Amino acid sequence: MSKNTKSTGVDVASLNLVDEPEMRQFVMHVGEHRARMEYDRHGDRIFLTRTEVPKHLQEQGVATVLTEKTLSHLEASKMKLVPLCPKVKDFLRQNPSWQRLLLKGVQLR
């Protein structure tokens, strides 16, 4: 089994990202568990504020998949990104090509 299927039997890369605007979060359901990324949206700007992935799913790369799917969704929606969540900032530092989504003038500190 691949790294992404070892304990859940689920290929996390194939999971759907669901936007729950009333809860201001993006969610991926992994078996009976949820990984989520909270946000605040103001016009065409989106502030990613918090990532929450159950501990046992973190080693399966769920946080990375959740972040990539969220960023792909934001790009398709032409949103401008302001990352406030430390996990998202770390991801952007490690994957600089995604920094193209940053709102002009935003720096990763």
N, C-alpha and C. Protein backbone atom coordinates (compact mmCIF):
# COMPACT_ATOMS: atom_id res chain seq x y z
N MET A 1 0.83 -1.20 0.00
CA MET A 1 0.00 0.00 0.00
C MET A 1 0.86 1.25 0.00
N SER A 2 0.38 2.29 -0.65
CA SER A 2 1.13 3.52 -0.68
C SER A 2 1.05 4.24 0.66
N LYS A 3 1.92 5.21 0.82
CA LYS A 3 1.95 6.01 2.05
C LYS A 3 0.59 6.61 2.36
N ASN A 4 -0.16 6.99 1.33
CA ASN A 4 -1.43 7.67 1.54
C ASN A 4 -2.59 6.74 1.87
N THR A 5 -2.37 5.43 1.91
CA THR A 5 -3.49 4.52 2.17
C THR A 5 -3.23 3.60 3.35
N LYS A 6 -2.12 3.75 4.06
CA LYS A 6 -1.72 2.71 4.99
C LYS A 6 -2.68 2.38 6.12
N SER A 7 -3.29 3.34 6.79
CA SER A 7 -4.16 2.93 7.88
C SER A 7 -5.64 3.15 7.59
N THR A 8 -5.96 4.03 6.65
CA THR A 8 -7.38 4.27 6.36
C THR A 8 -7.86 3.46 5.18
N GLY A 9 -6.95 2.96 4.35
CA GLY A 9 -7.36 2.27 3.15
C GLY A 9 -7.90 3.22 2.09
N VAL A 10 -7.66 4.52 2.27
CA VAL A 10 -8.19 5.55 1.38
C VAL A 10 -7.03 6.27 0.71
N ASP A 11 -7.14 6.49 -0.60
CA ASP A 11 -6.16 7.29 -1.31
C ASP A 11 -6.56 8.75 -1.11
N VAL A 12 -5.85 9.45 -0.20
CA VAL A 12 -6.27 10.81 0.15
C VAL A 12 -6.19 11.77 -1.02
N ALA A 13 -5.31 11.51 -1.98
CA ALA A 13 -5.21 12.39 -3.15
C ALA A 13 -6.50 12.37 -3.97
N SER A 14 -7.29 11.31 -3.86
CA SER A 14 -8.53 11.21 -4.63
C SER A 14 -9.74 11.81 -3.90
N LEU A 15 -9.56 12.25 -2.67
CA LEU A 15 -10.67 12.79 -1.89
C LEU A 15 -11.09 14.17 -2.39
N ASN A 16 -12.35 14.47 -2.25
CA ASN A 16 -12.89 15.76 -2.67
C ASN A 16 -12.73 16.80 -1.58
N LEU A 17 -12.46 18.01 -2.02
CA LEU A 17 -12.44 19.16 -1.12
C LEU A 17 -13.83 19.78 -1.15
N VAL A 18 -14.39 20.05 0.02
CA VAL A 18 -15.72 20.64 0.12
C VAL A 18 -15.60 22.00 0.78
N ASP A 19 -16.16 23.02 0.15
CA ASP A 19 -16.20 24.35 0.74
C ASP A 19 -17.49 24.45 1.55
N GLU A 20 -17.36 24.76 2.82
CA GLU A 20 -18.52 24.98 3.69
C GLU A 20 -18.53 26.45 4.09
N PRO A 21 -19.04 27.32 3.20
CA PRO A 21 -18.95 28.76 3.45
C PRO A 21 -19.65 29.22 4.73
N GLU A 22 -20.73 28.55 5.10
CA GLU A 22 -21.43 28.95 6.33
C GLU A 22 -20.57 28.68 7.57
N MET A 23 -19.65 27.71 7.48
CA MET A 23 -18.74 27.40 8.58
C MET A 23 -17.35 28.02 8.35
N ARG A 24 -17.19 28.68 7.19
CA ARG A 24 -15.92 29.30 6.79
C ARG A 24 -14.77 28.30 6.88
N GLN A 25 -14.94 27.19 6.16
CA GLN A 25 -13.90 26.17 6.15
C GLN A 25 -13.98 25.30 4.90
N PHE A 26 -12.79 24.79 4.51
CA PHE A 26 -12.70 23.75 3.49
C PHE A 26 -12.50 22.45 4.25
N VAL A 27 -13.15 21.38 3.77
CA VAL A 27 -13.12 20.11 4.49
C VAL A 27 -12.84 18.98 3.51
N MET A 28 -12.07 18.01 3.99
CA MET A 28 -11.91 16.72 3.30
C MET A 28 -12.31 15.65 4.30
N HIS A 29 -13.18 14.76 3.88
CA HIS A 29 -13.58 13.64 4.72
C HIS A 29 -12.66 12.47 4.41
N VAL A 30 -12.01 11.96 5.45
CA VAL A 30 -11.10 10.81 5.31
C VAL A 30 -11.68 9.71 6.19
N GLY A 31 -12.38 8.77 5.55
CA GLY A 31 -13.10 7.77 6.33
C GLY A 31 -14.13 8.49 7.17
N GLU A 32 -14.10 8.23 8.47
CA GLU A 32 -15.05 8.89 9.39
C GLU A 32 -14.47 10.16 10.00
N HIS A 33 -13.29 10.57 9.54
CA HIS A 33 -12.62 11.75 10.10
C HIS A 33 -12.67 12.91 9.12
N ARG A 34 -12.44 14.11 9.68
CA ARG A 34 -12.44 15.33 8.87
C ARG A 34 -11.12 16.06 9.03
N ALA A 35 -10.57 16.50 7.92
CA ALA A 35 -9.45 17.44 7.92
C ALA A 35 -10.03 18.75 7.42
N ARG A 36 -9.64 19.85 8.04
CA ARG A 36 -10.26 21.11 7.64
C ARG A 36 -9.30 22.28 7.67
N MET A 37 -9.61 23.26 6.86
CA MET A 37 -8.85 24.50 6.83
C MET A 37 -9.85 25.64 6.97
N GLU A 38 -9.67 26.43 8.01
CA GLU A 38 -10.58 27.55 8.26
C GLU A 38 -10.13 28.78 7.49
N TYR A 39 -11.09 29.62 7.14
CA TYR A 39 -10.76 30.84 6.39
C TYR A 39 -11.71 31.97 6.73
N ASP A 40 -11.28 33.17 6.38
CA ASP A 40 -12.12 34.37 6.35
C ASP A 40 -12.00 34.91 4.94
N ARG A 41 -13.12 35.22 4.34
CA ARG A 41 -13.14 35.71 2.95
C ARG A 41 -13.68 37.13 2.94
N HIS A 42 -12.98 38.00 2.22
CA HIS A 42 -13.40 39.40 2.07
C HIS A 42 -13.21 39.75 0.60
N GLY A 43 -14.31 39.77 -0.14
CA GLY A 43 -14.23 40.05 -1.58
C GLY A 43 -13.42 38.96 -2.27
N ASP A 44 -12.37 39.38 -2.99
CA ASP A 44 -11.55 38.40 -3.69
C ASP A 44 -10.32 38.00 -2.87
N ARG A 45 -10.30 38.38 -1.61
CA ARG A 45 -9.20 38.01 -0.71
C ARG A 45 -9.66 36.92 0.24
N ILE A 46 -8.77 35.96 0.46
CA ILE A 46 -9.08 34.90 1.40
C ILE A 46 -7.92 34.75 2.38
N PHE A 47 -8.25 34.71 3.64
CA PHE A 47 -7.28 34.58 4.72
C PHE A 47 -7.39 33.16 5.27
N LEU A 48 -6.38 32.34 5.04
CA LEU A 48 -6.38 30.99 5.59
C LEU A 48 -5.85 31.08 7.01
N THR A 49 -6.71 30.74 7.98
CA THR A 49 -6.40 31.05 9.37
C THR A 49 -5.96 29.85 10.21
N ARG A 50 -6.43 28.64 9.86
CA ARG A 50 -6.13 27.50 10.73
C ARG A 50 -6.31 26.21 9.95
N THR A 51 -5.39 25.27 10.17
CA THR A 51 -5.50 23.93 9.59
C THR A 51 -5.63 22.94 10.74
N GLU A 52 -6.58 22.03 10.60
CA GLU A 52 -6.79 21.02 11.64
C GLU A 52 -6.91 19.65 10.98
N VAL A 53 -5.93 18.80 11.27
CA VAL A 53 -5.90 17.45 10.73
C VAL A 53 -5.70 16.50 11.91
N PRO A 54 -6.57 15.50 12.08
CA PRO A 54 -6.39 14.54 13.16
C PRO A 54 -4.97 13.95 13.13
N LYS A 55 -4.41 13.79 14.30
CA LYS A 55 -3.00 13.38 14.42
C LYS A 55 -2.67 12.13 13.61
N HIS A 56 -3.51 11.11 13.66
CA HIS A 56 -3.20 9.86 12.96
C HIS A 56 -3.27 10.02 11.44
N LEU A 57 -3.88 11.10 10.93
CA LEU A 57 -3.92 11.34 9.48
C LEU A 57 -2.74 12.18 9.00
N GLN A 58 -2.07 12.87 9.92
CA GLN A 58 -0.97 13.74 9.53
C GLN A 58 0.15 12.96 8.85
N GLU A 59 0.47 11.78 9.36
CA GLU A 59 1.57 10.99 8.78
C GLU A 59 1.23 10.43 7.41
N GLN A 60 -0.01 10.52 7.01
CA GLN A 60 -0.42 10.04 5.69
C GLN A 60 -0.40 11.15 4.64
N GLY A 61 0.05 12.33 5.02
CA GLY A 61 0.13 13.43 4.07
C GLY A 61 -1.18 14.16 3.85
N VAL A 62 -2.13 13.97 4.74
CA VAL A 62 -3.45 14.59 4.56
C VAL A 62 -3.35 16.11 4.60
N ALA A 63 -2.54 16.67 5.47
CA ALA A 63 -2.42 18.13 5.56
C ALA A 63 -1.89 18.70 4.25
N THR A 64 -0.92 18.02 3.65
CA THR A 64 -0.36 18.48 2.38
C THR A 64 -1.40 18.43 1.28
N VAL A 65 -2.15 17.33 1.21
CA VAL A 65 -3.18 17.19 0.18
C VAL A 65 -4.27 18.24 0.39
N LEU A 66 -4.69 18.45 1.63
CA LEU A 66 -5.70 19.46 1.94
C LEU A 66 -5.21 20.84 1.49
N THR A 67 -3.96 21.16 1.78
CA THR A 67 -3.41 22.46 1.39
C THR A 67 -3.35 22.60 -0.13
N GLU A 68 -2.85 21.59 -0.81
CA GLU A 68 -2.76 21.65 -2.28
C GLU A 68 -4.13 21.80 -2.92
N LYS A 69 -5.10 21.03 -2.44
CA LYS A 69 -6.44 21.12 -3.01
C LYS A 69 -7.07 22.48 -2.73
N THR A 70 -6.83 23.01 -1.55
CA THR A 70 -7.34 24.34 -1.21
C THR A 70 -6.72 25.39 -2.12
N LEU A 71 -5.41 25.34 -2.30
CA LEU A 71 -4.74 26.32 -3.15
C LEU A 71 -5.20 26.20 -4.60
N SER A 72 -5.41 24.99 -5.09
CA SER A 72 -5.92 24.80 -6.44
C SER A 72 -7.31 25.41 -6.59
N HIS A 73 -8.14 25.22 -5.57
CA HIS A 73 -9.48 25.80 -5.58
C HIS A 73 -9.40 27.33 -5.59
N LEU A 74 -8.51 27.88 -4.78
CA LEU A 74 -8.37 29.34 -4.71
C LEU A 74 -7.90 29.90 -6.05
N GLU A 75 -6.97 29.20 -6.67
CA GLU A 75 -6.46 29.65 -7.97
C GLU A 75 -7.58 29.62 -9.02
N ALA A 76 -8.35 28.55 -9.05
CA ALA A 76 -9.45 28.43 -10.01
C ALA A 76 -10.52 29.51 -9.77
N SER A 77 -10.66 29.92 -8.51
CA SER A 77 -11.64 30.94 -8.14
C SER A 77 -11.08 32.35 -8.24
N LYS A 78 -9.80 32.46 -8.64
CA LYS A 78 -9.12 33.75 -8.78
C LYS A 78 -9.08 34.54 -7.48
N MET A 79 -8.90 33.81 -6.36
CA MET A 79 -8.81 34.45 -5.05
C MET A 79 -7.37 34.88 -4.79
N LYS A 80 -7.20 35.93 -4.01
CA LYS A 80 -5.88 36.41 -3.60
C LYS A 80 -5.65 35.94 -2.17
N LEU A 81 -4.52 35.30 -1.94
CA LEU A 81 -4.25 34.60 -0.69
C LEU A 81 -3.48 35.44 0.32
N VAL A 82 -3.98 35.41 1.56
CA VAL A 82 -3.26 35.94 2.71
C VAL A 82 -3.17 34.79 3.71
N PRO A 83 -2.01 34.13 3.80
CA PRO A 83 -1.88 33.00 4.72
C PRO A 83 -1.56 33.47 6.14
N LEU A 84 -2.43 33.14 7.08
CA LEU A 84 -2.19 33.45 8.48
C LEU A 84 -1.82 32.19 9.26
N CYS A 85 -2.21 31.05 8.75
CA CYS A 85 -1.94 29.76 9.39
C CYS A 85 -0.46 29.40 9.21
N PRO A 86 0.26 29.09 10.29
CA PRO A 86 1.68 28.71 10.19
C PRO A 86 1.92 27.51 9.29
N LYS A 87 1.00 26.54 9.27
CA LYS A 87 1.18 25.36 8.42
C LYS A 87 1.10 25.73 6.95
N VAL A 88 0.22 26.64 6.60
CA VAL A 88 0.11 27.09 5.22
C VAL A 88 1.35 27.88 4.83
N LYS A 89 1.82 28.74 5.72
CA LYS A 89 3.04 29.50 5.45
C LYS A 89 4.22 28.56 5.22
N ASP A 90 4.35 27.53 6.06
CA ASP A 90 5.43 26.55 5.88
C ASP A 90 5.31 25.85 4.53
N PHE A 91 4.10 25.47 4.16
CA PHE A 91 3.88 24.81 2.87
C PHE A 91 4.32 25.73 1.73
N LEU A 92 3.95 27.01 1.80
CA LEU A 92 4.30 27.96 0.74
C LEU A 92 5.82 28.17 0.67
N ARG A 93 6.49 28.16 1.81
CA ARG A 93 7.95 28.28 1.80
C ARG A 93 8.59 27.07 1.13
N GLN A 94 8.04 25.90 1.37
CA GLN A 94 8.58 24.66 0.81
C GLN A 94 8.17 24.45 -0.65
N ASN A 95 7.13 25.12 -1.08
CA ASN A 95 6.61 24.98 -2.44
C ASN A 95 6.42 26.38 -3.04
N PRO A 96 7.53 27.06 -3.36
CA PRO A 96 7.44 28.46 -3.76
C PRO A 96 6.61 28.73 -5.00
N SER A 97 6.36 27.74 -5.84
CA SER A 97 5.54 28.00 -7.03
C SER A 97 4.12 28.42 -6.64
N TRP A 98 3.64 27.98 -5.48
CA TRP A 98 2.30 28.36 -5.02
C TRP A 98 2.25 29.81 -4.53
N GLN A 99 3.40 30.42 -4.31
CA GLN A 99 3.42 31.81 -3.84
C GLN A 99 2.81 32.77 -4.86
N ARG A 100 2.58 32.29 -6.07
CA ARG A 100 1.94 33.11 -7.10
C ARG A 100 0.53 33.54 -6.68
N LEU A 101 -0.05 32.84 -5.71
CA LEU A 101 -1.41 33.17 -5.26
C LEU A 101 -1.44 34.27 -4.20
N LEU A 102 -0.28 34.62 -3.66
CA LEU A 102 -0.23 35.60 -2.57
C LEU A 102 -0.73 36.97 -3.03
N LEU A 103 -1.48 37.61 -2.17
CA LEU A 103 -1.89 38.99 -2.40
C LEU A 103 -0.63 39.83 -2.53
N LYS A 104 -0.61 40.73 -3.49
CA LYS A 104 0.57 41.56 -3.71
C LYS A 104 0.98 42.26 -2.41
N GLY A 105 2.26 42.15 -2.08
CA GLY A 105 2.79 42.78 -0.88
C GLY A 105 2.84 41.87 0.34
N VAL A 106 2.16 40.72 0.28
CA VAL A 106 2.18 39.78 1.42
C VAL A 106 3.49 39.02 1.40
N GLN A 107 4.13 38.98 2.58
CA GLN A 107 5.39 38.25 2.71
C GLN A 107 5.23 37.12 3.72
N LEU A 108 5.99 36.06 3.51
CA LEU A 108 5.96 34.92 4.43
C LEU A 108 7.03 35.14 5.49
N ARG A 109 6.61 35.56 6.65
CA ARG A 109 7.57 35.81 7.74
C ARG A 109 7.49 34.72 8.75
